[in-house]
Amino acid sequence: MAGKNKKKASSVCNNELNDSFKTTLIKKQNEYDEEVEKRKHCLINYQPALTIRGSEMLIEAITKNMPDNFLDMNYKEFILQMGGTSFANPKLNDTLVIIKNLRNKVTSGTASHEEIIKYQEVKKLL
């Protein structure tokens, strides 16, 4: 009889330990989940600041020795002033020339199907 009682007491004690261990593990897991969420939130908020600061440093390094009027210069002027470039076209007024050429192709009937679709999309935007 003493053996049965010991087994029963041991079984009850083991069940209590198992329940206690399971509860402790669940509590710890919840605590770790909360800590991970806090750190994740912190890192998510920190990342844009790093990107912005890195961008500012890069822009500063690139524009440090440039003339003050460089950023106000239009694309055509910039290309014409660049030494040793392979651009000889004096009509490099970027987007407007491309749109004009596309429109001319569409109106003359020489545009491909894709070019017609692109022109229609540009026309909607304008």
Protein backbone atom coordinates (compact mmCIF):
# COMPACT_ATOMS: atom_id res chain seq x y z
CA MET A 1 0.00 0.00 0.00
CA ALA A 2 2.79 2.37 0.77
CA GLY A 3 4.11 1.81 -2.77
CA LYS A 4 0.78 2.78 -4.33
CA ASN A 5 0.56 5.94 -2.25
CA LYS A 6 4.13 6.86 -3.17
CA LYS A 7 3.39 6.34 -6.87
CA LYS A 8 0.18 8.34 -6.57
CA ALA A 9 1.92 11.14 -4.66
CA SER A 10 4.80 11.07 -7.12
CA SER A 11 2.37 11.19 -10.04
CA VAL A 12 0.49 14.15 -8.53
CA CYS A 13 3.77 15.93 -7.83
CA ASN A 14 4.97 15.30 -11.40
CA ASN A 15 1.71 16.64 -12.82
CA GLU A 16 2.03 19.76 -10.69
CA LEU A 17 5.65 20.21 -11.82
CA ASN A 18 4.66 19.69 -15.44
CA ASP A 19 1.84 22.23 -15.15
CA SER A 20 4.12 24.67 -13.35
CA PHE A 21 6.87 24.19 -15.93
CA LYS A 22 4.40 24.62 -18.79
CA THR A 23 2.98 27.78 -17.21
CA THR A 24 6.48 29.16 -16.62
CA LEU A 25 7.46 28.46 -20.22
CA ILE A 26 4.33 30.18 -21.53
CA LYS A 27 5.00 33.22 -19.32
CA LYS A 28 8.61 33.42 -20.49
CA GLN A 29 7.55 33.05 -24.11
CA ASN A 30 5.05 35.89 -23.72
CA GLU A 31 7.69 38.07 -22.05
CA TYR A 32 10.15 37.38 -24.88
CA ASP A 33 7.46 38.07 -27.48
CA GLU A 34 6.78 41.45 -25.86
CA GLU A 35 10.51 42.25 -25.74
CA VAL A 36 10.95 41.25 -29.39
CA GLU A 37 8.00 43.46 -30.39
CA LYS A 38 9.48 46.41 -28.47
CA ARG A 39 12.87 45.99 -30.13
CA LYS A 40 11.28 45.43 -33.53
CA HIS A 41 9.29 48.65 -33.15
CA CYS A 42 12.44 50.50 -32.08
CA LEU A 43 14.41 49.20 -35.08
CA ILE A 44 11.59 49.99 -37.51
CA ASN A 45 11.55 53.57 -36.25
CA TYR A 46 15.34 53.80 -36.31
CA GLN A 47 15.79 52.58 -39.91
CA PRO A 48 14.29 55.61 -41.70
CA ALA A 49 16.47 57.94 -39.64
CA LEU A 50 19.56 56.03 -40.77
CA THR A 51 18.46 56.18 -44.39
CA ILE A 52 17.79 59.91 -44.20
CA ARG A 53 21.11 60.61 -42.48
CA GLY A 54 22.99 58.45 -44.99
CA SER A 55 21.28 60.24 -47.88
CA GLU A 56 22.16 63.63 -46.42
CA MET A 57 25.81 62.60 -46.04
CA LEU A 58 25.90 61.31 -49.62
CA ILE A 59 24.32 64.45 -51.07
CA GLU A 60 26.73 66.61 -49.07
CA ALA A 61 29.73 64.63 -50.32
CA ILE A 62 28.58 64.81 -53.94
CA THR A 63 27.60 68.47 -53.98
CA LYS A 64 30.38 69.80 -51.73
CA ASN A 65 32.63 71.20 -54.48
CA MET A 66 29.97 71.96 -57.09
CA PRO A 67 29.21 75.50 -58.24
CA ASP A 68 26.23 77.10 -56.53
CA ASN A 69 24.26 77.43 -59.76
CA PHE A 70 24.63 73.74 -60.69
CA LEU A 71 21.37 72.57 -59.16
CA ASP A 72 19.43 75.30 -60.98
CA MET A 73 20.95 74.36 -64.34
CA ASN A 74 18.69 72.58 -66.82
CA TYR A 75 19.62 69.20 -68.23
CA LYS A 76 20.58 70.47 -71.70
CA GLU A 77 23.00 73.06 -70.27
CA PHE A 78 24.57 70.48 -68.01
CA ILE A 79 25.21 68.04 -70.87
CA LEU A 80 26.64 70.81 -73.06
CA GLN A 81 29.03 71.91 -70.32
CA MET A 82 30.24 68.41 -69.53
CA GLY A 83 33.68 67.84 -70.99
CA GLY A 84 34.39 64.64 -72.90
CA THR A 85 30.82 63.44 -73.14
CA SER A 86 29.59 61.48 -76.11
CA PHE A 87 26.43 63.58 -76.37
CA ALA A 88 26.50 65.77 -79.45
CA ASN A 89 22.76 66.36 -79.76
CA PRO A 90 21.97 70.00 -78.92
CA LYS A 91 18.28 69.16 -78.38
CA LEU A 92 18.74 67.28 -75.13
CA ASN A 93 15.80 68.84 -73.39
CA ASP A 94 15.04 65.43 -71.92
CA THR A 95 11.38 64.58 -71.36
CA LEU A 96 9.75 67.12 -73.67
CA VAL A 97 11.75 65.93 -76.69
CA ILE A 98 10.86 62.31 -75.97
CA ILE A 99 7.16 63.14 -75.65
CA LYS A 100 7.29 65.23 -78.83
CA ASN A 101 8.94 62.40 -80.79
CA LEU A 102 6.41 59.92 -79.47
CA ARG A 103 3.51 62.22 -80.43
CA ASN A 104 4.97 62.69 -83.93
CA LYS A 105 5.18 58.93 -84.40
CA VAL A 106 1.58 58.45 -83.26
CA THR A 107 0.17 61.24 -85.43
CA SER A 108 2.14 60.12 -88.50
CA GLY A 109 1.00 56.52 -88.05
CA THR A 110 4.49 55.02 -87.68
CA ALA A 111 4.19 54.19 -83.96
CA SER A 112 4.06 50.61 -82.73
CA HIS A 113 1.19 49.36 -80.58
CA GLU A 114 3.32 49.74 -77.41
CA GLU A 115 4.25 53.32 -78.35
CA ILE A 116 0.58 54.19 -78.89
CA ILE A 117 -0.27 52.83 -75.44
CA LYS A 118 2.60 54.81 -73.88
CA TYR A 119 1.45 57.97 -75.65
CA GLN A 120 -2.11 57.49 -74.40
CA GLU A 121 -0.82 57.05 -70.84
CA VAL A 122 1.28 60.22 -71.11
CA LYS A 123 -1.67 62.11 -72.58
CA LYS A 124 -3.85 61.06 -69.62
CA LEU A 125 -1.22 62.35 -67.21
CA LEU A 126 -0.97 65.70 -68.97
